[in-house]
């Protein structure tokens, strides 16, 4: 279900999903910050509410997300750094959160 949610996160707009390290992934979508934050929150809630099963036991899974939009004159590396900082803000605020 969560993978389907990521796939459907684009609402008809092309999106890209990439693993960027360890347990970190990046999803690139062409949306405004408000729309991207709403999609991230919906994804967070979908993951939290999904029944992940391993050997007949349900495993609680949550995600922490950082959401940002590219600003004028900003490089991709700067966007990535800012988004990563927002991700860590979510983790430090107690995890299972969206920061943006």
C-alpha atoms as a PDB file:
ATOM      1  CA  UNK A   1       0.000   0.000   0.000  1.00  0.00           C
ATOM      2  CA  UNK A   2       2.617   2.704   0.855  1.00  0.00           C
ATOM      3  CA  UNK A   3       4.504   2.064  -2.398  1.00  0.00           C
ATOM      4  CA  UNK A   4       1.225   2.538  -4.225  1.00  0.00           C
ATOM      5  CA  UNK A   5       0.745   5.750  -2.249  1.00  0.00           C
ATOM      6  CA  UNK A   6       4.117   7.075  -3.375  1.00  0.00           C
ATOM      7  CA  UNK A   7       3.288   6.116  -6.932  1.00  0.00           C
ATOM      8  CA  UNK A   8      -0.015   7.942  -6.643  1.00  0.00           C
ATOM      9  CA  UNK A   9       1.509  10.951  -4.918  1.00  0.00           C
ATOM     10  CA  UNK A  10       1.962  12.769  -8.176  1.00  0.00           C
ATOM     11  CA  UNK A  11      -1.735  13.277  -9.022  1.00  0.00           C
ATOM     12  CA  UNK A  12      -0.952  12.954 -12.706  1.00  0.00           C
ATOM     13  CA  UNK A  13       2.333  14.875 -12.486  1.00  0.00           C
ATOM     14  CA  UNK A  14       5.520  12.994 -13.207  1.00  0.00           C
ATOM     15  CA  UNK A  15       7.336  12.072 -10.027  1.00  0.00           C
ATOM     16  CA  UNK A  16      10.614  10.328  -9.300  1.00  0.00           C
ATOM     17  CA  UNK A  17      11.506   8.114  -6.361  1.00  0.00           C
ATOM     18  CA  UNK A  18      15.149   7.419  -5.489  1.00  0.00           C
ATOM     19  CA  UNK A  19      16.990   5.848  -2.591  1.00  0.00           C
ATOM     20  CA  UNK A  20      19.569   8.357  -1.368  1.00  0.00           C
ATOM     21  CA  UNK A  21      21.143   6.386   1.457  1.00  0.00           C
ATOM     22  CA  UNK A  22      20.454   3.822   4.133  1.00  0.00           C
ATOM     23  CA  UNK A  23      16.795   4.203   4.938  1.00  0.00           C
ATOM     24  CA  UNK A  24      16.414   7.558   3.200  1.00  0.00           C
ATOM     25  CA  UNK A  25      14.521   8.166  -0.018  1.00  0.00           C
ATOM     26  CA  UNK A  26      13.779  11.237  -2.099  1.00  0.00           C
ATOM     27  CA  UNK A  27      10.554  11.826  -3.996  1.00  0.00           C
ATOM     28  CA  UNK A  28      10.609  14.636  -6.532  1.00  0.00           C
ATOM     29  CA  UNK A  29       7.259  16.062  -7.604  1.00  0.00           C
ATOM     30  CA  UNK A  30       6.278  19.213  -9.454  1.00  0.00           C
ATOM     31  CA  UNK A  31       3.959  20.868  -6.923  1.00  0.00           C
ATOM     32  CA  UNK A  32       3.672  23.873  -4.654  1.00  0.00           C
ATOM     33  CA  UNK A  33       4.957  23.551  -1.092  1.00  0.00           C
ATOM     34  CA  UNK A  34       1.414  23.399   0.304  1.00  0.00           C
ATOM     35  CA  UNK A  35       0.436  20.576  -2.048  1.00  0.00           C
ATOM     36  CA  UNK A  36       3.702  18.710  -1.413  1.00  0.00           C
ATOM     37  CA  UNK A  37       3.223  19.017   2.363  1.00  0.00           C
ATOM     38  CA  UNK A  38      -0.326  17.690   2.099  1.00  0.00           C
ATOM     39  CA  UNK A  39       0.851  14.738   0.001  1.00  0.00           C
ATOM     40  CA  UNK A  40       3.670  14.036   2.447  1.00  0.00           C
ATOM     41  CA  UNK A  41       1.242  14.078   5.379  1.00  0.00           C
ATOM     42  CA  UNK A  42      -1.128  11.743   3.542  1.00  0.00           C
ATOM     43  CA  UNK A  43       1.784   9.372   2.828  1.00  0.00           C
ATOM     44  CA  UNK A  44       2.919   9.534   6.473  1.00  0.00           C
ATOM     45  CA  UNK A  45      -0.575   8.659   7.681  1.00  0.00           C
ATOM     46  CA  UNK A  46      -0.911   5.842   5.113  1.00  0.00           C
ATOM     47  CA  UNK A  47       2.359   4.266   6.250  1.00  0.00           C
ATOM     48  CA  UNK A  48       1.427   4.589   9.923  1.00  0.00           C
ATOM     49  CA  UNK A  49      -2.003   3.039   9.294  1.00  0.00           C
ATOM     50  CA  UNK A  50      -0.801   0.167   7.103  1.00  0.00           C
ATOM     51  CA  UNK A  51      -0.579  -3.345   8.553  1.00  0.00           C
ATOM     52  CA  UNK A  52       2.998  -4.429   7.830  1.00  0.00           C
ATOM     53  CA  UNK A  53       3.304  -8.141   8.506  1.00  0.00           C
ATOM     54  CA  UNK A  54       6.401 -10.242   9.092  1.00  0.00           C
ATOM     55  CA  UNK A  55       6.050 -13.919   9.968  1.00  0.00           C
ATOM     56  CA  UNK A  56       2.403 -13.346  10.975  1.00  0.00           C
ATOM     57  CA  UNK A  57       3.292 -10.491  13.338  1.00  0.00           C
ATOM     58  CA  UNK A  58       2.250  -6.921  12.691  1.00  0.00           C
ATOM     59  CA  UNK A  59       5.182  -4.497  12.771  1.00  0.00           C
ATOM     60  CA  UNK A  60       4.562  -0.807  13.472  1.00  0.00           C
ATOM     61  CA  UNK A  61       6.203   1.382  10.811  1.00  0.00           C
ATOM     62  CA  UNK A  62       6.350   5.163  10.680  1.00  0.00           C
ATOM     63  CA  UNK A  63       8.159   7.699   8.507  1.00  0.00           C
ATOM     64  CA  UNK A  64       9.728  11.092   9.097  1.00  0.00           C
ATOM     65  CA  UNK A  65       9.659  13.485   6.156  1.00  0.00           C
ATOM     66  CA  UNK A  66      11.290  16.721   5.136  1.00  0.00           C
ATOM     67  CA  UNK A  67       9.562  18.713   2.384  1.00  0.00           C
ATOM     68  CA  UNK A  68      10.961  21.687   0.479  1.00  0.00           C
ATOM     69  CA  UNK A  69      10.597  23.438  -2.848  1.00  0.00           C
ATOM     70  CA  UNK A  70      13.328  24.747  -5.094  1.00  0.00           C
ATOM     71  CA  UNK A  71      13.699  28.504  -4.712  1.00  0.00           C
ATOM     72  CA  UNK A  72      15.006  30.901  -7.342  1.00  0.00           C
ATOM     73  CA  UNK A  73      18.762  30.737  -7.743  1.00  0.00           C
ATOM     74  CA  UNK A  74      19.081  27.662  -5.521  1.00  0.00           C
ATOM     75  CA  UNK A  75      21.130  24.700  -6.718  1.00  0.00           C
ATOM     76  CA  UNK A  76      19.969  21.110  -6.480  1.00  0.00           C
ATOM     77  CA  UNK A  77      22.631  20.506  -3.826  1.00  0.00           C
ATOM     78  CA  UNK A  78      21.293  23.403  -1.745  1.00  0.00           C
ATOM     79  CA  UNK A  79      17.736  22.085  -2.049  1.00  0.00           C
ATOM     80  CA  UNK A  80      18.899  18.616  -1.005  1.00  0.00           C
ATOM     81  CA  UNK A  81      20.757  20.012   2.043  1.00  0.00           C
ATOM     82  CA  UNK A  82      17.744  22.077   3.133  1.00  0.00           C
ATOM     83  CA  UNK A  83      15.372  19.144   2.690  1.00  0.00           C
ATOM     84  CA  UNK A  84      17.740  16.846   4.619  1.00  0.00           C
ATOM     85  CA  UNK A  85      17.801  19.380   7.472  1.00  0.00           C
ATOM     86  CA  UNK A  86      13.985  19.333   7.502  1.00  0.00           C
ATOM     87  CA  UNK A  87      14.016  15.529   7.586  1.00  0.00           C
ATOM     88  CA  UNK A  88      16.274  15.596  10.643  1.00  0.00           C
ATOM     89  CA  UNK A  89      14.023  18.235  12.228  1.00  0.00           C
ATOM     90  CA  UNK A  90      11.169  15.705  11.932  1.00  0.00           C
ATOM     91  CA  UNK A  91      13.310  12.978  13.480  1.00  0.00           C
ATOM     92  CA  UNK A  92      14.452  15.201  16.363  1.00  0.00           C
ATOM     93  CA  UNK A  93      10.883  16.367  17.036  1.00  0.00           C
ATOM     94  CA  UNK A  94       9.837  12.803  17.840  1.00  0.00           C
ATOM     95  CA  UNK A  95       9.714  11.045  14.457  1.00  0.00           C
ATOM     96  CA  UNK A  96       6.592  10.149  12.467  1.00  0.00           C
ATOM     97  CA  UNK A  97       6.272  13.785  11.376  1.00  0.00           C
ATOM     98  CA  UNK A  98       6.388  16.029   8.325  1.00  0.00           C
ATOM     99  CA  UNK A  99       8.547  19.157   8.405  1.00  0.00           C
ATOM    100  CA  UNK A 100       8.553  21.760   5.687  1.00  0.00           C
END
